[in-house]
Amino acid sequence: MKRLFWLAQLPVVAFATPLDGFEKTYQDWDLVCDNTGTCRMAGYQAENTPDHIISLLFTRAAGENTPIRAQFALWPYNNESDKQLKFEETSEIILNGQSLGTVQNLSDYTTAELNSKQTTALLTALKTHADIQVVSGEFKGKLSDKGATAAMLKMDEFQQRLNTPSALIRQGQEKHAVLAPQAIPQVKAVRINHRKTIELKQGEKKFTEVLALLRESDDPNSACSDLHSDTELDGQITLYPLTNGKVLAGTICVLGAYQGTVYYAVMNNKLNKVEQVWDSEYNYAGYDKKTHALMLTGTFKARGIGDCWAGQEAIWNGERFIRTKEYTTGSCKGFAGGAWQLPIFVSNIKVK
């Protein structure tokens, strides 16, 4: 799905991520680490127990001896019977048959914060074997431990903790420095004063000319089948004014059963030259109501019921669009909208 195409005549961007974030799944556990060095590890119920939906999230920033935060998320519906489950004000955590006490439910179906004793006990148990249950009223969820050890080991590796006292899995007494927290990239964007969009309609000469350029700029191996189909094309190209004599052109890339992608291209004002394109990364463009900057947004669900999503954003900096955000909501485990928002790339935006 991801492809960013730069024409050779454009200068190199003077902006680089200090650290590459990533996401990886280990059986019933996800590990997602972002470009600041913070890692988030989320576990879920086993695949064969979809009636009581549960997730446990551990969050740890980079840096020596940083604390680990733990949260539970409970879904208030039995997805098999579509019955709403009644919760009590607290949830009890049961580890290997023994109670770890209760946590206060922050709302009917969002999160509950664990204390440090509960967090340590769960992390310790997950290194070997952990039978973890959470009970609250009609809700009786069981968390899978499959993949947790592998996810913890990878987190230690990414944060350079292996064989040090702060490692979760492969602890040791080595004194080498662990990964330090990385600075959040500062993205400079520009205000766009003229924000009236223009629609080019099928049958117009300019539509035909611009469409030909967009099709020519597309990689033959891309997924934009509808861009090249006269029958599937929606019949319009939207032009968004930018700055420095540029415009953003957007038209359909591919339209699926429950979502679509837009083919976006930065062009000159004369509409005879394509300078930067995305074939399937984004599906919405719009001006921010407060800052008047132009944002590209891509939000995609992995399956029709919408229990797992991924997304990213970019902003116009006066010369080109720069990535500002990327995230996932984790595995498809029954939470409508996803259990968590797990950043892969974060930044701070300053609009001038």
Protein backbone atom coordinates (compact mmCIF):
# COMPACT_ATOMS: atom_id res chain seq x y z
CA MET A 1 0.00 0.00 0.00
CA LYS A 2 2.85 2.39 0.68
CA ARG A 3 4.74 4.07 -2.14
CA LEU A 4 6.15 7.57 -2.22
CA PHE A 5 7.50 8.77 -5.56
CA TRP A 6 9.87 11.72 -5.88
CA LEU A 7 10.92 13.17 -9.21
CA ALA A 8 14.69 13.38 -9.58
CA GLN A 9 14.83 17.14 -10.09
CA LEU A 10 13.51 17.87 -6.59
CA PRO A 11 16.07 18.64 -3.86
CA VAL A 12 16.57 16.24 -0.97
CA VAL A 13 14.37 16.90 2.06
CA ALA A 14 16.31 18.35 4.96
CA PHE A 15 14.33 16.32 7.48
CA ALA A 16 14.89 12.82 8.71
CA THR A 17 13.40 10.67 11.39
CA PRO A 18 15.82 10.12 14.29
CA LEU A 19 14.69 6.52 14.67
CA ASP A 20 12.53 4.19 12.60
CA GLY A 21 9.41 2.95 14.34
CA PHE A 22 7.93 -0.45 13.52
CA GLU A 23 5.13 -2.89 14.28
CA LYS A 24 5.34 -6.65 14.67
CA THR A 25 2.89 -9.34 15.79
CA TYR A 26 3.86 -12.37 17.87
CA GLN A 27 0.86 -14.75 18.00
CA ASP A 28 -1.64 -12.97 20.31
CA TRP A 29 0.65 -10.03 21.12
CA ASP A 30 1.57 -6.89 19.18
CA LEU A 31 4.72 -4.84 19.63
CA VAL A 32 4.70 -1.30 18.23
CA CYS A 33 7.62 1.07 18.81
CA ASP A 34 7.73 4.67 17.64
CA ASN A 35 10.46 7.05 16.49
CA THR A 36 11.02 8.44 20.01
CA GLY A 37 11.97 4.99 21.31
CA THR A 38 8.72 4.38 23.21
CA CYS A 39 7.35 0.84 22.84
CA ARG A 40 3.83 -0.41 23.37
CA MET A 41 3.07 -4.10 23.77
CA ALA A 42 -0.56 -5.21 23.52
CA GLY A 43 -1.95 -8.67 24.23
CA TYR A 44 -5.44 -10.00 23.57
CA GLN A 45 -7.76 -12.93 24.17
CA ALA A 46 -6.98 -16.10 22.22
CA GLU A 47 -8.39 -16.33 18.70
CA ASN A 48 -10.82 -19.11 19.68
CA THR A 49 -12.43 -17.12 22.54
CA PRO A 50 -14.19 -14.18 20.83
CA ASP A 51 -17.07 -13.86 23.30
CA HIS A 52 -15.30 -11.77 25.99
CA ILE A 53 -12.96 -9.25 24.34
CA ILE A 54 -9.95 -8.11 26.36
CA SER A 55 -6.60 -6.41 25.85
CA LEU A 56 -3.64 -5.61 28.09
CA LEU A 57 -1.25 -2.82 27.09
CA PHE A 58 2.26 -2.25 28.45
CA THR A 59 3.96 1.06 27.61
CA ARG A 60 7.64 1.79 28.17
CA ALA A 61 9.63 4.82 27.06
CA ALA A 62 13.28 4.60 26.10
CA GLY A 63 15.88 5.37 28.77
CA GLU A 64 17.48 3.51 31.63
CA ASN A 65 15.14 2.20 34.34
CA THR A 66 12.04 3.82 32.85
CA PRO A 67 8.83 2.59 34.50
CA ILE A 68 6.31 0.42 32.68
CA ARG A 69 2.68 1.47 32.53
CA ALA A 70 -0.06 -1.17 32.24
CA GLN A 71 -3.71 -0.74 31.19
CA PHE A 72 -6.61 -3.08 30.50
CA ALA A 73 -9.29 -2.53 27.87
CA LEU A 74 -12.53 -4.50 28.10
CA TRP A 75 -15.18 -4.64 25.36
CA PRO A 76 -18.73 -4.58 26.80
CA TYR A 77 -20.36 -6.77 24.15
CA ASN A 78 -20.41 -10.48 23.51
CA ASN A 79 -19.59 -10.38 19.81
CA GLU A 80 -21.03 -13.85 19.29
CA SER A 81 -24.51 -13.06 20.69
CA ASP A 82 -24.35 -9.24 20.34
CA LYS A 83 -25.41 -9.03 23.98
CA GLN A 84 -24.23 -6.10 26.06
CA LEU A 85 -22.40 -7.22 29.20
CA LYS A 86 -22.94 -5.52 32.54
CA PHE A 87 -19.79 -4.34 34.32
CA GLU A 88 -19.23 -3.60 37.98
CA GLU A 89 -17.39 -0.45 39.08
CA THR A 90 -14.19 -2.47 39.48
CA SER A 91 -12.55 -5.38 37.71
CA GLU A 92 -10.68 -8.17 39.49
CA ILE A 93 -7.43 -9.50 38.04
CA ILE A 94 -6.78 -13.19 38.63
CA LEU A 95 -3.28 -14.49 37.89
CA ASN A 96 -2.70 -18.26 37.94
CA GLY A 97 -5.71 -18.71 40.21
CA GLN A 98 -4.71 -15.98 42.68
CA SER A 99 -6.30 -12.55 42.94
CA LEU A 100 -4.11 -9.53 42.20
CA GLY A 101 -6.78 -7.21 43.53
CA THR A 102 -9.05 -4.92 41.59
CA VAL A 103 -8.75 -1.97 39.24
CA GLN A 104 -11.21 0.88 38.87
CA ASN A 105 -13.07 0.85 35.57
CA LEU A 106 -12.61 4.27 34.00
CA SER A 107 -15.72 3.82 31.86
CA ASP A 108 -17.95 1.06 30.59
CA TYR A 109 -15.58 -0.15 27.93
CA THR A 110 -12.38 1.88 27.75
CA THR A 111 -9.40 1.41 30.03
CA ALA A 112 -8.43 0.61 33.58
CA GLU A 113 -5.05 1.54 35.02
CA LEU A 114 -2.99 -1.06 36.91
CA ASN A 115 -0.78 -0.26 39.88
CA SER A 116 2.94 -1.03 39.95
CA LYS A 117 2.52 -4.24 41.98
CA GLN A 118 -0.04 -5.64 39.54
CA THR A 119 2.08 -4.59 36.57
CA THR A 120 5.21 -6.29 37.92
CA ALA A 121 3.33 -9.49 38.75
CA LEU A 122 1.86 -9.77 35.25
CA LEU A 123 5.17 -9.04 33.53
CA THR A 124 6.94 -11.64 35.66
CA ALA A 125 4.31 -14.29 34.97
CA LEU A 126 4.26 -13.61 31.23
CA LYS A 127 7.95 -14.55 31.01
CA THR A 128 7.01 -18.18 31.68
CA HIS A 129 3.34 -19.14 31.89
CA ALA A 130 0.47 -16.85 32.79
CA ASP A 131 -3.20 -17.68 33.20
CA ILE A 132 -4.62 -14.15 33.32
CA GLN A 133 -8.32 -13.50 33.80
CA VAL A 134 -10.26 -10.30 34.37
CA VAL A 135 -13.71 -10.48 35.96
CA SER A 136 -16.23 -7.66 36.24
CA GLY A 137 -19.93 -8.44 36.60
CA GLU A 138 -20.99 -10.47 33.56
CA PHE A 139 -17.57 -10.04 31.96
CA LYS A 140 -15.07 -12.88 32.34
CA GLY A 141 -12.17 -12.34 29.96
CA LYS A 142 -9.05 -14.45 29.60
CA LEU A 143 -5.84 -13.03 28.19
CA SER A 144 -3.60 -15.17 25.99
CA ASP A 145 0.07 -15.42 26.95
CA LYS A 146 1.13 -16.77 23.55
CA GLY A 147 3.77 -14.51 22.02
CA ALA A 148 4.29 -12.29 25.07
CA THR A 149 7.85 -13.45 25.75
CA ALA A 150 8.91 -12.90 22.15
CA ALA A 151 7.37 -9.42 22.15
CA MET A 152 9.18 -8.49 25.38
CA LEU A 153 12.48 -9.76 24.00
CA LYS A 154 12.08 -7.67 20.85
CA MET A 155 11.23 -4.61 22.93
CA ASP A 156 14.39 -5.13 24.99
CA GLU A 157 16.41 -5.47 21.79
CA PHE A 158 14.97 -2.31 20.22
CA GLN A 159 15.56 -0.29 23.40
CA GLN A 160 19.08 -1.77 23.70
CA ARG A 161 18.41 -3.32 27.11
CA LEU A 162 19.61 -6.87 26.43
CA ASN A 163 21.89 -8.17 29.21
CA THR A 164 21.34 -5.04 31.33
CA PRO A 165 19.52 -4.82 34.68
CA SER A 166 16.53 -3.05 33.07
CA ALA A 167 15.84 -5.82 30.51
CA LEU A 168 12.56 -7.68 30.81
CA ILE A 169 13.73 -11.03 29.45
CA ARG A 170 17.49 -11.37 29.04
CA GLN A 171 18.62 -9.56 32.18
CA GLY A 172 22.29 -9.13 33.03
CA GLN A 173 24.77 -6.82 34.68
CA GLU A 174 26.27 -5.16 31.62
CA LYS A 175 26.71 -1.41 32.02
CA HIS A 176 26.37 -0.31 28.40
CA ALA A 177 24.06 2.58 27.65
CA VAL A 178 20.50 1.77 26.66
CA LEU A 179 18.56 3.63 23.99
CA ALA A 180 17.97 7.21 25.08
CA PRO A 181 14.63 8.93 24.42
CA GLN A 182 14.77 10.45 20.94
CA ALA A 183 13.71 14.00 20.21
CA ILE A 184 10.31 14.44 18.62
CA PRO A 185 10.76 15.77 15.06
CA GLN A 186 9.62 19.36 14.59
CA VAL A 187 7.72 19.81 11.33
CA LYS A 188 7.34 23.30 9.90
CA ALA A 189 4.20 23.79 7.85
CA VAL A 190 2.74 26.82 6.10
CA ARG A 191 -0.59 28.59 6.19
CA ILE A 192 -2.42 28.59 2.86
CA ASN A 193 -4.35 31.81 2.31
CA HIS A 194 -6.22 30.85 -0.85
CA ARG A 195 -8.15 27.68 -0.07
CA LYS A 196 -10.94 27.50 -2.65
CA THR A 197 -10.90 24.09 -4.31
CA ILE A 198 -11.66 23.54 -7.99
CA GLU A 199 -13.42 20.54 -9.52
CA LEU A 200 -12.39 19.36 -12.97
CA LYS A 201 -15.24 17.38 -14.52
CA GLN A 202 -15.10 14.48 -16.94
CA GLY A 203 -15.65 15.75 -20.48
CA GLU A 204 -13.74 18.99 -19.91
CA LYS A 205 -10.51 19.50 -21.85
CA LYS A 206 -8.49 20.31 -18.72
CA PHE A 207 -9.80 17.18 -16.99
CA THR A 208 -8.60 15.03 -19.89
CA GLU A 209 -5.17 16.70 -19.92
CA VAL A 210 -4.61 16.42 -16.16
CA LEU A 211 -5.88 12.84 -16.03
CA ALA A 212 -3.40 11.86 -18.73
CA LEU A 213 -0.54 13.33 -16.67
CA LEU A 214 -1.72 11.58 -13.50
CA ARG A 215 -1.95 8.24 -15.28
CA GLU A 216 1.48 8.74 -16.80
CA SER A 217 3.00 9.54 -13.39
CA ASP A 218 1.56 6.39 -11.79
CA ASP A 219 3.77 3.34 -11.40
CA PRO A 220 2.50 0.51 -13.64
CA ASN A 221 2.83 -1.85 -10.66
CA SER A 222 0.75 0.27 -8.29
CA ALA A 223 -2.66 -0.71 -6.96
CA CYS A 224 -4.49 2.20 -8.63
CA SER A 225 -6.61 0.18 -11.02
CA ASP A 226 -9.53 2.62 -10.99
CA LEU A 227 -7.28 5.53 -11.97
CA HIS A 228 -6.69 3.79 -15.29
CA SER A 229 -10.29 2.66 -15.82
CA ASP A 230 -12.70 4.95 -17.66
CA THR A 231 -15.67 3.00 -16.30
CA GLU A 232 -14.59 3.03 -12.61
CA LEU A 233 -13.26 6.61 -12.49
CA ASP A 234 -15.60 8.88 -10.51
CA GLY A 235 -15.47 11.59 -13.16
CA GLN A 236 -13.76 14.41 -11.31
CA ILE A 237 -10.37 15.69 -10.21
CA THR A 238 -10.20 18.00 -7.19
CA LEU A 239 -7.56 20.75 -7.13
CA TYR A 240 -6.40 22.14 -3.77
CA PRO A 241 -4.40 25.42 -3.89
CA LEU A 242 -1.00 25.22 -2.20
CA THR A 243 1.80 27.82 -2.10
CA ASN A 244 4.81 28.64 -4.29
CA GLY A 245 2.89 28.11 -7.50
CA LYS A 246 1.76 24.56 -6.66
CA VAL A 247 -1.57 22.75 -6.45
CA LEU A 248 -2.58 19.35 -5.15
CA ALA A 249 -4.63 17.20 -7.53
CA GLY A 250 -6.68 14.29 -6.20
CA THR A 251 -8.77 11.64 -7.93
CA ILE A 252 -9.82 8.05 -7.28
CA CYS A 253 -7.04 5.46 -6.98
CA VAL A 254 -9.11 2.42 -6.13
CA LEU A 255 -12.54 2.02 -4.57
CA GLY A 256 -13.09 -1.12 -2.52
CA ALA A 257 -16.10 -2.64 -0.81
CA TYR A 258 -15.86 -0.50 2.34
CA GLN A 259 -13.11 2.05 1.72
CA GLY A 260 -11.06 3.64 -1.01
CA THR A 261 -7.79 5.39 -1.72
CA VAL A 262 -7.11 8.63 -3.57
CA TYR A 263 -4.32 9.29 -6.04
CA TYR A 264 -2.74 12.59 -5.00
CA ALA A 265 -0.18 14.57 -6.99
CA VAL A 266 1.55 17.91 -6.46
CA MET A 267 1.50 19.84 -9.74
CA ASN A 268 2.48 23.30 -10.91
CA ASN A 269 -0.21 25.94 -11.33
CA LYS A 270 -0.19 25.46 -15.10
CA LEU A 271 -1.21 21.82 -14.52
CA ASN A 272 1.35 20.53 -16.99
CA LYS A 273 3.91 19.01 -14.61
CA VAL A 274 3.67 16.40 -11.83
CA GLU A 275 6.25 16.74 -9.04
CA GLN A 276 5.26 14.43 -6.19
CA VAL A 277 2.70 11.61 -6.03
CA TRP A 278 1.12 9.06 -3.66
CA ASP A 279 -0.74 6.15 -5.17
CA SER A 280 -2.53 4.63 -2.18
CA GLU A 281 -1.35 6.11 1.12
CA TYR A 282 -4.13 8.64 1.72
CA ASN A 283 -7.87 8.98 1.24
CA TYR A 284 -8.65 12.50 2.43
CA ALA A 285 -7.24 16.01 1.94
CA GLY A 286 -8.43 19.09 3.79
CA TYR A 287 -7.44 22.46 5.20
CA ASP A 288 -7.15 22.71 8.97
CA LYS A 289 -9.83 25.10 10.22
CA LYS A 290 -7.51 26.79 12.73
CA THR A 291 -4.09 26.83 11.05
CA HIS A 292 -5.25 26.76 7.39
CA ALA A 293 -2.53 24.23 6.58
CA LEU A 294 -3.34 21.47 4.09
CA MET A 295 -3.28 17.95 5.53
CA LEU A 296 -3.34 14.57 3.86
CA THR A 297 -4.93 11.81 5.92
CA GLY A 298 -5.04 8.09 5.31
CA THR A 299 -7.29 5.96 7.53
CA PHE A 300 -7.81 2.33 6.60
CA LYS A 301 -9.45 -0.65 8.25
CA ALA A 302 -8.09 -4.14 7.71
CA ARG A 303 -11.51 -5.76 7.51
CA GLY A 304 -15.15 -4.79 7.17
CA ILE A 305 -16.18 -4.84 10.84
CA GLY A 306 -13.60 -2.15 11.60
CA ASP A 307 -11.88 -3.67 14.63
CA CYS A 308 -8.37 -2.89 13.37
CA TRP A 309 -7.15 0.27 11.68
CA ALA A 310 -3.98 1.91 10.42
CA GLY A 311 -3.42 5.52 9.50
CA GLN A 312 -0.98 8.25 8.65
CA GLU A 313 -0.91 11.98 7.99
CA ALA A 314 1.21 14.47 6.06
CA ILE A 315 1.28 18.27 5.84
CA TRP A 316 2.37 20.81 3.24
CA ASN A 317 5.59 22.59 4.28
CA GLY A 318 5.76 25.04 1.39
CA GLU A 319 7.76 22.74 -0.87
CA ARG A 320 6.27 19.28 -0.45
CA PHE A 321 4.18 17.11 1.86
CA ILE A 322 6.00 15.79 4.93
CA ARG A 323 4.85 12.84 7.02
CA THR A 324 3.69 13.91 10.47
CA LYS A 325 1.97 10.85 11.93
CA GLU A 326 1.65 7.09 11.53
CA TYR A 327 -0.16 4.63 13.77
CA THR A 328 -1.94 1.30 14.06
CA THR A 329 -4.69 0.13 16.41
CA GLY A 330 -3.21 -3.35 16.69
CA SER A 331 -4.57 -6.76 15.79
CA CYS A 332 -8.13 -7.50 14.63
CA LYS A 333 -9.50 -8.76 17.94
CA GLY A 334 -13.10 -7.55 18.16
CA PHE A 335 -12.77 -4.00 19.52
CA ALA A 336 -14.80 -1.64 17.35
CA GLY A 337 -12.35 1.00 16.16
CA GLY A 338 -9.44 -0.98 17.58
CA ALA A 339 -8.33 -1.46 21.15
CA TRP A 340 -5.57 1.16 21.23
CA GLN A 341 -3.91 3.83 19.12
CA LEU A 342 -0.29 2.70 18.86
CA PRO A 343 2.04 5.31 17.34
CA ILE A 344 4.75 4.36 14.85
CA PHE A 345 5.75 7.92 13.98
CA VAL A 346 5.02 11.10 15.94
CA SER A 347 5.96 14.74 15.39
CA ASN A 348 5.18 18.27 16.52
CA ILE A 349 3.77 20.62 13.89
CA LYS A 350 4.38 24.37 13.80
CA VAL A 351 2.45 26.34 11.18
CA LYS A 352 3.85 29.70 10.13
